Amino acid sequence: MAKVSKNARVGKKTVIAGSGREHVKVIKSIKDPKTGKYTYKEVMIHKDNVKEFFEKK
């Protein structure tokens, strides 16, 4: 019998299960027109939707 690396087995599990590497945390600053203060919106989204997130108002 051949030995199988422990790390090789772990790597396959993450690919099958779907890793969190596809998602990113984005932070958008929003200025209040009345007071001039900034608030921040933090969201975890898929990396393909980042551009769309920042284009929305």
N, C-alpha and C. Protein backbone atom coordinates (compact mmCIF):
# COMPACT_ATOMS: atom_id res chain seq x y z
N MET A 1 0.84 -1.19 0.00
CA MET A 1 0.00 0.00 0.00
C MET A 1 0.88 1.25 0.00
N ALA A 2 0.43 2.22 -0.73
CA ALA A 2 1.16 3.48 -0.79
C ALA A 2 0.62 4.43 0.26
N LYS A 3 1.49 5.26 0.76
CA LYS A 3 1.06 6.26 1.74
C LYS A 3 0.45 7.45 1.02
N VAL A 4 -0.55 8.05 1.64
CA VAL A 4 -1.18 9.27 1.12
C VAL A 4 -0.89 10.39 2.09
N SER A 5 -0.45 11.50 1.56
CA SER A 5 -0.13 12.65 2.40
C SER A 5 -1.40 13.16 3.07
N LYS A 6 -1.28 13.49 4.33
CA LYS A 6 -2.42 14.03 5.08
C LYS A 6 -2.88 15.36 4.47
N ASN A 7 -1.94 16.18 4.03
CA ASN A 7 -2.28 17.48 3.45
C ASN A 7 -3.02 17.34 2.13
N ALA A 8 -2.74 16.31 1.37
CA ALA A 8 -3.43 16.09 0.10
C ALA A 8 -4.91 15.80 0.35
N ARG A 9 -5.19 15.03 1.39
CA ARG A 9 -6.59 14.71 1.70
C ARG A 9 -7.34 15.93 2.17
N VAL A 10 -6.71 16.78 2.96
CA VAL A 10 -7.35 17.99 3.47
C VAL A 10 -7.66 18.94 2.33
N GLY A 11 -6.75 19.08 1.38
CA GLY A 11 -6.94 19.96 0.24
C GLY A 11 -8.12 19.56 -0.61
N LYS A 12 -8.33 18.27 -0.80
CA LYS A 12 -9.45 17.79 -1.61
C LYS A 12 -10.77 18.08 -0.92
N LYS A 13 -10.83 17.98 0.40
CA LYS A 13 -12.07 18.23 1.12
C LYS A 13 -12.53 19.68 0.95
N THR A 14 -11.60 20.62 0.97
CA THR A 14 -11.99 22.02 0.86
C THR A 14 -12.51 22.33 -0.53
N VAL A 15 -11.96 21.69 -1.55
CA VAL A 15 -12.43 21.91 -2.91
C VAL A 15 -13.83 21.35 -3.07
N ILE A 16 -14.06 20.19 -2.53
CA ILE A 16 -15.37 19.55 -2.64
C ILE A 16 -16.42 20.32 -1.85
N ALA A 17 -16.10 20.72 -0.65
CA ALA A 17 -17.07 21.38 0.23
C ALA A 17 -17.33 22.82 -0.19
N GLY A 18 -16.47 23.43 -1.00
CA GLY A 18 -16.62 24.83 -1.36
C GLY A 18 -15.91 25.67 -0.32
N SER A 19 -14.87 26.30 -0.73
CA SER A 19 -14.07 27.05 0.24
C SER A 19 -14.57 28.48 0.37
N GLY A 20 -14.16 29.15 1.41
CA GLY A 20 -14.53 30.54 1.65
C GLY A 20 -13.66 31.51 0.88
N ARG A 21 -12.80 30.99 0.04
CA ARG A 21 -11.90 31.85 -0.73
C ARG A 21 -12.64 32.59 -1.84
N GLU A 22 -13.85 32.20 -2.12
CA GLU A 22 -14.64 32.84 -3.16
C GLU A 22 -15.32 34.11 -2.65
N HIS A 23 -15.35 34.31 -1.35
CA HIS A 23 -16.03 35.46 -0.77
C HIS A 23 -15.02 36.45 -0.21
N VAL A 24 -15.36 37.72 -0.29
CA VAL A 24 -14.50 38.78 0.25
C VAL A 24 -15.33 39.72 1.11
N LYS A 25 -14.66 40.38 2.04
CA LYS A 25 -15.32 41.36 2.89
C LYS A 25 -15.07 42.73 2.30
N VAL A 26 -16.15 43.47 2.03
CA VAL A 26 -16.01 44.81 1.48
C VAL A 26 -16.62 45.82 2.44
N ILE A 27 -16.02 47.00 2.49
CA ILE A 27 -16.50 48.07 3.36
C ILE A 27 -16.71 49.30 2.50
N LYS A 28 -17.91 49.86 2.58
CA LYS A 28 -18.26 51.02 1.78
C LYS A 28 -18.63 52.17 2.72
N SER A 29 -18.02 53.34 2.50
CA SER A 29 -18.35 54.49 3.33
C SER A 29 -19.47 55.28 2.66
N ILE A 30 -20.46 55.66 3.46
CA ILE A 30 -21.63 56.38 2.97
C ILE A 30 -21.76 57.67 3.77
N LYS A 31 -21.79 58.80 3.06
CA LYS A 31 -21.88 60.10 3.71
C LYS A 31 -23.34 60.52 3.83
N ASP A 32 -23.74 60.93 5.04
CA ASP A 32 -25.10 61.42 5.28
C ASP A 32 -25.18 62.85 4.76
N PRO A 33 -26.12 63.15 3.85
CA PRO A 33 -26.19 64.50 3.28
C PRO A 33 -26.59 65.59 4.28
N LYS A 34 -27.34 65.22 5.32
CA LYS A 34 -27.80 66.22 6.29
C LYS A 34 -26.70 66.61 7.28
N THR A 35 -26.05 65.60 7.87
CA THR A 35 -25.07 65.87 8.93
C THR A 35 -23.63 65.89 8.43
N GLY A 36 -23.37 65.25 7.30
CA GLY A 36 -22.01 65.18 6.79
C GLY A 36 -21.18 64.08 7.43
N LYS A 37 -21.80 63.29 8.31
CA LYS A 37 -21.09 62.20 8.97
C LYS A 37 -21.06 60.97 8.06
N TYR A 38 -20.03 60.16 8.27
CA TYR A 38 -19.89 58.93 7.49
C TYR A 38 -20.34 57.72 8.29
N THR A 39 -21.01 56.81 7.61
CA THR A 39 -21.33 55.50 8.16
C THR A 39 -20.69 54.47 7.24
N TYR A 40 -20.46 53.30 7.77
CA TYR A 40 -19.77 52.27 7.00
C TYR A 40 -20.63 51.03 6.90
N LYS A 41 -20.75 50.50 5.68
CA LYS A 41 -21.51 49.29 5.43
C LYS A 41 -20.51 48.17 5.15
N GLU A 42 -20.54 47.13 5.98
CA GLU A 42 -19.65 45.98 5.85
C GLU A 42 -20.44 44.78 5.38
N VAL A 43 -19.98 44.14 4.32
CA VAL A 43 -20.71 43.01 3.75
C VAL A 43 -19.72 41.95 3.27
N MET A 44 -20.09 40.69 3.43
CA MET A 44 -19.35 39.58 2.83
C MET A 44 -20.09 39.19 1.55
N ILE A 45 -19.42 39.34 0.40
CA ILE A 45 -20.05 39.02 -0.87
C ILE A 45 -19.11 38.17 -1.72
N HIS A 46 -19.65 37.60 -2.77
CA HIS A 46 -18.85 36.81 -3.70
C HIS A 46 -17.93 37.74 -4.47
N LYS A 47 -16.74 37.27 -4.77
CA LYS A 47 -15.74 38.15 -5.40
C LYS A 47 -16.14 38.63 -6.79
N ASP A 48 -17.07 37.95 -7.44
CA ASP A 48 -17.54 38.38 -8.75
C ASP A 48 -18.51 39.55 -8.66
N ASN A 49 -19.09 39.82 -7.50
CA ASN A 49 -20.09 40.87 -7.33
C ASN A 49 -19.54 42.15 -6.71
N VAL A 50 -18.24 42.27 -6.55
CA VAL A 50 -17.64 43.43 -5.88
C VAL A 50 -17.90 44.71 -6.67
N LYS A 51 -17.68 44.67 -7.96
CA LYS A 51 -17.84 45.87 -8.78
C LYS A 51 -19.29 46.37 -8.74
N GLU A 52 -20.23 45.45 -8.81
CA GLU A 52 -21.65 45.81 -8.77
C GLU A 52 -22.02 46.42 -7.42
N PHE A 53 -21.43 45.91 -6.34
CA PHE A 53 -21.71 46.44 -5.00
C PHE A 53 -21.31 47.90 -4.88
N PHE A 54 -20.13 48.25 -5.40
CA PHE A 54 -19.65 49.62 -5.28
C PHE A 54 -20.34 50.58 -6.27
N GLU A 55 -20.93 50.06 -7.33
CA GLU A 55 -21.66 50.91 -8.28
C GLU A 55 -23.02 51.32 -7.75
N LYS A 56 -23.63 50.47 -6.89
CA LYS A 56 -24.96 50.79 -6.32
C LYS A 56 -24.83 51.94 -5.34
N LYS A 57 -25.88 52.74 -5.25
CA LYS A 57 -25.90 53.83 -4.27
C LYS A 57 -26.88 53.54 -3.19
